[in-house]
């Protein structure tokens, strides 16, 4: 893709900082806790999938790399001072363990190991099969990244409308999309008896669950419409959903899911990419990191603003009293 919109210069694990914001995020409203828990796990999975090539490559030579790295730091003389190789190896291993106890040494070694893996990956990418495997991992990471945002957007909307039905629910109900008119059981002006009976004639705390399927959360535009329908202008949607990288991620996700990661006419038109029609889509490291960051940043911002809204706008729902 052309016109990189990167927030980072490369895609190494050291540069991927978006997980810090997500994993430190907290919410005050209990209804949003399950959404936040799932989102944090998604972010952990994104990070691990993102660095999985390095992890797998490093694992195979980690022990030997550890030994050779600390060999020099341990200042062990050559093996000729010992009667046999096993004796020398044991002495080095003991010194290595001693040096490796320090936090600074461990960090230095981790960086050394990562840089070694990065260099080896560049060499391995010369092989076509390796390139295809790495491209598939990249595509799966992008898919998971979009999915994490989509699920958060949908589930947060549902939770918010469930706990604020008098304001958010009523507004969302009144602003159902035109194409939902005529859907059996739920329309702008009525709810069927059958639908009410299905929920025991008590839809308190369930209005968001009933209405969410009437909105489209599979794209940025549909998500914006759903939130405008329920929240009106109470959320800064331009800043939350306005990152071009989020829309770019949506476009790439569509091509991966519907065209198996192959560039079609729709993809080329939306991205202005110059790759040939029918060519495999490869996202460079700069844009790749920008896409991952955009989805996590948008998810965090959306959840923060919804939580803030729910804390500032309460509503009392009178309990139902049964007649004795």
Protein backbone atom coordinates (compact mmCIF):
# COMPACT_ATOMS: atom_id res chain seq x y z
CA UNK A 1 0.00 0.00 0.00
CA UNK A 2 1.12 3.53 -0.65
CA UNK A 3 0.97 6.66 1.46
CA UNK A 4 2.20 5.16 4.76
CA UNK A 5 0.44 6.56 7.78
CA UNK A 6 2.79 5.25 10.40
CA UNK A 7 3.07 6.17 14.05
CA UNK A 8 6.25 4.11 14.27
CA UNK A 9 9.27 3.57 12.09
CA UNK A 10 9.28 -0.20 12.28
CA UNK A 11 7.32 -3.17 13.46
CA UNK A 12 9.61 -4.65 16.10
CA UNK A 13 8.21 -5.67 19.45
CA UNK A 14 10.14 -2.88 21.19
CA UNK A 15 8.22 -0.35 19.08
CA UNK A 16 4.75 -1.80 19.69
CA UNK A 17 3.68 0.23 22.72
CA UNK A 18 -0.07 0.20 22.21
CA UNK A 19 -0.49 -2.74 24.57
CA UNK A 20 0.66 -0.59 27.52
CA UNK A 21 -2.36 1.67 27.20
CA UNK A 22 -4.80 -1.20 26.79
CA UNK A 23 -3.48 -3.31 29.64
CA UNK A 24 -3.48 -0.38 32.07
CA UNK A 25 -7.02 0.70 31.13
CA UNK A 26 -9.65 0.63 33.89
CA UNK A 27 -13.40 1.27 33.87
CA UNK A 28 -15.74 2.32 36.68
CA UNK A 29 -18.99 0.88 35.33
CA UNK A 30 -19.38 -2.82 36.09
CA UNK A 31 -21.32 -3.42 32.86
CA UNK A 32 -18.17 -2.62 30.88
CA UNK A 33 -15.86 -4.93 32.85
CA UNK A 34 -16.47 -8.05 30.69
CA UNK A 35 -15.86 -5.97 27.57
CA UNK A 36 -12.59 -4.64 28.95
CA UNK A 37 -11.44 -8.09 30.06
CA UNK A 38 -12.00 -9.54 26.58
CA UNK A 39 -10.35 -6.56 24.93
CA UNK A 40 -7.23 -6.87 27.06
CA UNK A 41 -6.93 -10.55 26.18
CA UNK A 42 -7.33 -9.69 22.50
CA UNK A 43 -4.49 -7.19 22.79
CA UNK A 44 -2.26 -9.76 24.49
CA UNK A 45 -3.01 -12.19 21.66
CA UNK A 46 -2.26 -9.53 19.04
CA UNK A 47 1.13 -8.82 20.60
CA UNK A 48 2.08 -12.49 20.87
CA UNK A 49 0.95 -13.24 17.34
CA UNK A 50 2.86 -10.18 16.14
CA UNK A 51 6.14 -11.36 17.66
CA UNK A 52 5.58 -15.11 17.19
CA UNK A 53 8.11 -15.42 14.32
CA UNK A 54 10.81 -13.96 16.56
CA UNK A 55 9.79 -16.16 19.50
CA UNK A 56 9.81 -19.34 17.44
CA UNK A 57 13.08 -18.52 15.78
CA UNK A 58 14.75 -17.51 19.04
CA UNK A 59 13.66 -20.61 20.90
CA UNK A 60 15.76 -22.93 18.77
CA UNK A 61 19.08 -21.28 19.58
CA UNK A 62 18.33 -19.47 22.81
CA UNK A 63 20.41 -21.67 25.09
CA UNK A 64 23.45 -21.56 22.83
CA UNK A 65 23.03 -17.82 22.28
CA UNK A 66 22.76 -17.30 26.04
CA UNK A 67 25.91 -19.32 26.60
CA UNK A 68 27.96 -17.54 23.94
CA UNK A 69 26.71 -14.09 24.93
CA UNK A 70 27.69 -14.45 28.57
CA UNK A 71 30.84 -16.41 27.86
CA UNK A 72 32.75 -13.20 27.15
CA UNK A 73 31.13 -11.32 30.03
CA UNK A 74 32.03 -14.12 32.46
CA UNK A 75 35.69 -13.63 31.47
CA UNK A 76 36.45 -17.34 31.35
CA UNK A 77 39.83 -18.39 30.00
CA UNK A 78 40.05 -20.75 27.09
CA UNK A 79 39.37 -24.46 27.52
CA UNK A 80 43.07 -25.31 27.52
CA UNK A 81 43.23 -24.43 31.23
CA UNK A 82 40.95 -27.34 32.01
CA UNK A 83 41.63 -31.02 31.71
CA UNK A 84 38.65 -31.64 29.43
CA UNK A 85 35.85 -29.84 27.63
CA UNK A 86 33.14 -30.94 30.07
CA UNK A 87 35.02 -29.38 32.98
CA UNK A 88 35.46 -26.12 31.06
CA UNK A 89 31.80 -26.09 30.02
CA UNK A 90 30.67 -26.56 33.62
CA UNK A 91 32.84 -23.68 34.80
CA UNK A 92 31.49 -21.39 32.11
CA UNK A 93 27.90 -22.37 32.85
CA UNK A 94 28.33 -21.52 36.53
CA UNK A 95 29.78 -18.11 35.68
CA UNK A 96 27.03 -17.51 33.15
CA UNK A 97 24.36 -18.17 35.77
CA UNK A 98 26.04 -15.74 38.13
CA UNK A 99 26.18 -12.94 35.54
CA UNK A 100 22.68 -13.68 34.24
CA UNK A 101 21.15 -12.94 37.63
CA UNK A 102 21.43 -9.21 37.07
CA UNK A 103 18.46 -7.41 35.51
CA UNK A 104 20.71 -5.35 33.26
CA UNK A 105 22.39 -8.43 31.85
CA UNK A 106 19.06 -10.13 31.15
CA UNK A 107 17.75 -7.06 29.33
CA UNK A 108 20.93 -6.81 27.32
CA UNK A 109 20.72 -10.46 26.38
CA UNK A 110 17.04 -10.18 25.41
CA UNK A 111 17.90 -7.31 23.09
CA UNK A 112 20.81 -9.30 21.66
CA UNK A 113 18.55 -12.30 21.06
CA UNK A 114 15.86 -10.16 19.42
CA UNK A 115 18.33 -8.45 17.10
CA UNK A 116 19.78 -11.82 16.12
CA UNK A 117 16.32 -13.19 15.34
CA UNK A 118 15.47 -10.08 13.30
CA UNK A 119 18.60 -10.52 11.22
CA UNK A 120 17.89 -14.19 10.65
CA UNK A 121 14.30 -13.43 9.62
CA UNK A 122 15.53 -11.04 6.95
CA UNK A 123 17.74 -13.79 5.61
CA UNK A 124 14.97 -16.40 5.77
CA UNK A 125 12.58 -14.11 3.89
CA UNK A 126 14.61 -14.78 0.77
CA UNK A 127 12.83 -18.13 0.66
CA UNK A 128 9.38 -17.88 -0.94
CA UNK A 129 7.72 -20.33 1.44
CA UNK A 130 9.00 -18.43 4.46
CA UNK A 131 7.72 -15.16 2.98
CA UNK A 132 4.30 -16.67 2.43
CA UNK A 133 4.20 -18.03 5.99
CA UNK A 134 5.18 -14.67 7.47
CA UNK A 135 2.62 -12.88 5.30
CA UNK A 136 -0.07 -15.23 6.58
CA UNK A 137 0.90 -14.51 10.20
CA UNK A 138 0.76 -10.80 9.42
CA UNK A 139 -2.70 -11.13 7.88
CA UNK A 140 -4.00 -13.13 10.84
CA UNK A 141 -2.67 -10.48 13.21
CA UNK A 142 -4.45 -7.74 11.25
CA UNK A 143 -7.67 -9.75 11.29
CA UNK A 144 -7.45 -10.22 15.04
CA UNK A 145 -6.70 -6.52 15.43
CA UNK A 146 -9.84 -5.47 13.56
CA UNK A 147 -11.94 -8.14 15.31
CA UNK A 148 -10.84 -6.87 18.72
CA UNK A 149 -12.06 -3.37 17.86
CA UNK A 150 -15.29 -4.55 16.25
CA UNK A 151 -16.20 -6.72 19.24
CA UNK A 152 -15.41 -3.93 21.69
CA UNK A 153 -17.49 -1.41 19.72
CA UNK A 154 -20.50 -3.73 19.51
CA UNK A 155 -20.32 -5.08 23.07
CA UNK A 156 -19.75 -1.64 24.62
CA UNK A 157 -22.72 -0.22 22.73
CA UNK A 158 -24.90 -3.12 23.90
CA UNK A 159 -23.78 -2.77 27.53
CA UNK A 160 -24.31 1.00 27.55
CA UNK A 161 -27.81 0.80 26.09
CA UNK A 162 -28.69 -2.01 28.50
CA UNK A 163 -27.80 0.08 31.55
CA UNK A 164 -29.19 3.39 30.23
CA UNK A 165 -32.38 2.30 28.42
CA UNK A 166 -34.41 5.43 29.19
CA UNK A 167 -32.02 7.69 27.32
CA UNK A 168 -29.73 5.62 25.10
CA UNK A 169 -32.25 2.84 24.48
CA UNK A 170 -35.10 5.16 23.65
CA UNK A 171 -32.92 7.19 21.28
CA UNK A 172 -31.49 4.08 19.58
CA UNK A 173 -34.97 2.63 19.23
CA UNK A 174 -36.24 5.84 17.63
CA UNK A 175 -33.26 5.92 15.24
CA UNK A 176 -33.34 2.37 13.96
CA UNK A 177 -31.95 2.24 10.41
CA UNK A 178 -34.57 2.45 7.65
CA UNK A 179 -33.75 -1.00 6.35
CA UNK A 180 -34.78 -2.60 9.65
CA UNK A 181 -38.39 -1.54 9.17
CA UNK A 182 -40.59 -4.57 8.74
CA UNK A 183 -38.30 -6.94 10.66
CA UNK A 184 -40.53 -9.34 12.55
CA UNK A 185 -40.85 -8.45 16.23
CA UNK A 186 -39.07 -5.13 16.35
CA UNK A 187 -39.85 -1.91 14.54
CA UNK A 188 -39.49 1.80 15.29
CA UNK A 189 -43.02 2.16 16.60
CA UNK A 190 -43.66 -1.21 18.17
CA UNK A 191 -42.33 -4.35 19.82
CA UNK A 192 -44.26 -7.54 19.16
CA UNK A 193 -45.96 -9.47 21.92
CA UNK A 194 -44.01 -12.54 20.82
CA UNK A 195 -40.71 -10.77 21.31
CA UNK A 196 -41.80 -9.48 24.72
CA UNK A 197 -43.00 -12.94 25.75
CA UNK A 198 -39.62 -14.38 24.75
CA UNK A 199 -38.08 -12.16 27.42
CA UNK A 200 -40.77 -12.71 30.04
CA UNK A 201 -42.39 -9.34 29.26
CA UNK A 202 -39.43 -7.67 30.97
CA UNK A 203 -36.82 -6.13 28.70
CA UNK A 204 -35.21 -3.98 31.39
CA UNK A 205 -31.48 -4.30 30.98
CA UNK A 206 -31.95 -6.04 27.62
CA UNK A 207 -32.76 -3.26 25.20
CA UNK A 208 -29.20 -3.02 23.94
CA UNK A 209 -29.13 -6.76 23.39
CA UNK A 210 -32.37 -6.56 21.42
CA UNK A 211 -31.30 -3.61 19.29
CA UNK A 212 -27.62 -4.31 18.50
CA UNK A 213 -28.40 -6.69 15.64
CA UNK A 214 -30.24 -3.85 13.89
CA UNK A 215 -26.99 -1.90 13.52
CA UNK A 216 -23.88 -2.71 11.53
CA UNK A 217 -20.64 -2.75 13.52
CA UNK A 218 -18.56 -4.43 10.80
CA UNK A 219 -17.16 -1.14 9.48
CA UNK A 220 -16.16 2.30 10.71
CA UNK A 221 -19.13 4.00 9.02
CA UNK A 222 -21.70 1.58 10.46
CA UNK A 223 -20.15 1.81 13.92
CA UNK A 224 -20.35 5.60 13.80
CA UNK A 225 -24.03 5.45 12.77
CA UNK A 226 -24.84 3.09 15.64
CA UNK A 227 -23.22 5.38 18.20
CA UNK A 228 -24.83 8.50 16.77
CA UNK A 229 -28.20 6.75 16.93
CA UNK A 230 -27.83 6.04 20.66
CA UNK A 231 -25.51 8.77 21.95
CA UNK A 232 -26.22 11.60 19.54
CA UNK A 233 -23.38 14.10 19.92
CA UNK A 234 -22.41 13.04 23.43
CA UNK A 235 -19.25 11.22 22.31
CA UNK A 236 -16.32 12.75 20.34
CA UNK A 237 -16.69 10.26 17.51
CA UNK A 238 -14.54 12.27 15.11
CA UNK A 239 -11.51 11.87 17.34
CA UNK A 240 -12.32 8.28 18.34
CA UNK A 241 -13.04 6.93 14.86
CA UNK A 242 -11.29 9.53 12.73
CA UNK A 243 -7.89 7.86 12.32
CA UNK A 244 -7.32 7.03 8.63
CA UNK A 245 -5.36 3.98 9.76
CA UNK A 246 -8.51 2.50 11.29
CA UNK A 247 -10.29 2.80 7.96
CA UNK A 248 -7.20 1.40 6.23
CA UNK A 249 -7.29 -1.60 8.54
CA UNK A 250 -10.96 -2.12 7.67
CA UNK A 251 -10.12 -2.15 3.95
CA UNK A 252 -7.25 -4.62 4.40
CA UNK A 253 -9.39 -6.81 6.64
CA UNK A 254 -12.10 -6.96 3.96
CA UNK A 255 -9.58 -8.04 1.32
CA UNK A 256 -8.08 -10.69 3.60
CA UNK A 257 -11.46 -12.18 4.51
CA UNK A 258 -13.24 -11.92 1.17
CA UNK A 259 -10.33 -12.26 -1.27
CA UNK A 260 -7.89 -14.38 0.75
CA UNK A 261 -5.46 -11.47 0.93
CA UNK A 262 -5.38 -10.89 -2.83
CA UNK A 263 -5.72 -7.36 -4.22
CA UNK A 264 -9.00 -6.90 -6.10
CA UNK A 265 -10.42 -3.83 -7.84
CA UNK A 266 -12.20 -2.63 -4.69
CA UNK A 267 -9.01 -2.84 -2.65
CA UNK A 268 -6.98 -0.99 -5.28
CA UNK A 269 -9.64 1.73 -5.61
CA UNK A 270 -9.89 2.34 -1.87
CA UNK A 271 -6.17 2.26 -1.11
CA UNK A 272 -4.77 3.75 -4.34
CA UNK A 273 -2.16 1.00 -4.20
CA UNK A 274 -0.01 0.43 -7.29
CA UNK A 275 0.42 -3.31 -6.79
CA UNK A 276 -0.93 -5.40 -9.69
CA UNK A 277 -4.50 -6.65 -9.66
CA UNK A 278 -4.49 -10.17 -8.22
CA UNK A 279 -1.18 -9.74 -6.38
CA UNK A 280 -0.84 -10.80 -2.73
CA UNK A 281 -1.29 -7.90 -0.32
CA UNK A 282 1.80 -7.14 1.73
CA UNK A 283 1.68 -4.41 4.36
CA UNK A 284 5.04 -2.82 5.17
CA UNK A 285 6.22 -2.68 8.78
CA UNK A 286 5.43 1.01 9.22
CA UNK A 287 1.83 0.70 8.14
CA UNK A 288 1.41 -2.68 9.84
CA UNK A 289 2.31 -1.17 13.22
CA UNK A 290 0.11 1.85 12.48
CA UNK A 291 -2.88 -0.40 11.78
CA UNK A 292 -2.40 -2.39 14.99
CA UNK A 293 -2.04 0.80 17.01
CA UNK A 294 -5.10 2.41 15.40
CA UNK A 295 -7.45 -0.42 16.37
CA UNK A 296 -6.23 -0.57 19.96
CA UNK A 297 -6.20 3.21 20.37
CA UNK A 298 -9.73 3.50 18.99
CA UNK A 299 -10.95 0.72 21.27
CA UNK A 300 -9.37 2.29 24.35
CA UNK A 301 -10.73 5.75 23.54
CA UNK A 302 -14.22 4.45 22.86
CA UNK A 303 -14.33 2.49 26.10
CA UNK A 304 -12.97 5.43 28.10
CA UNK A 305 -15.57 7.85 26.75
CA UNK A 306 -18.46 5.42 27.22
CA UNK A 307 -17.38 4.77 30.79
CA UNK A 308 -17.13 8.51 31.38
CA UNK A 309 -20.59 9.06 29.93
CA UNK A 310 -22.19 6.33 32.03
CA UNK A 311 -20.57 7.71 35.19
CA UNK A 312 -21.82 11.23 34.48
CA UNK A 313 -25.33 10.27 33.29
CA UNK A 314 -27.26 8.04 35.65
CA UNK A 315 -30.89 7.09 35.49
CA UNK A 316 -33.15 5.46 38.02
CA UNK A 317 -35.34 2.59 36.93
CA UNK A 318 -38.26 1.95 39.25
CA UNK A 319 -38.57 -1.69 40.31
CA UNK A 320 -41.62 -3.66 39.29
CA UNK A 321 -43.89 -4.38 42.24
CA UNK A 322 -46.01 -7.50 41.97
CA UNK A 323 -49.57 -7.38 43.26
CA UNK A 324 -50.22 -9.83 46.06
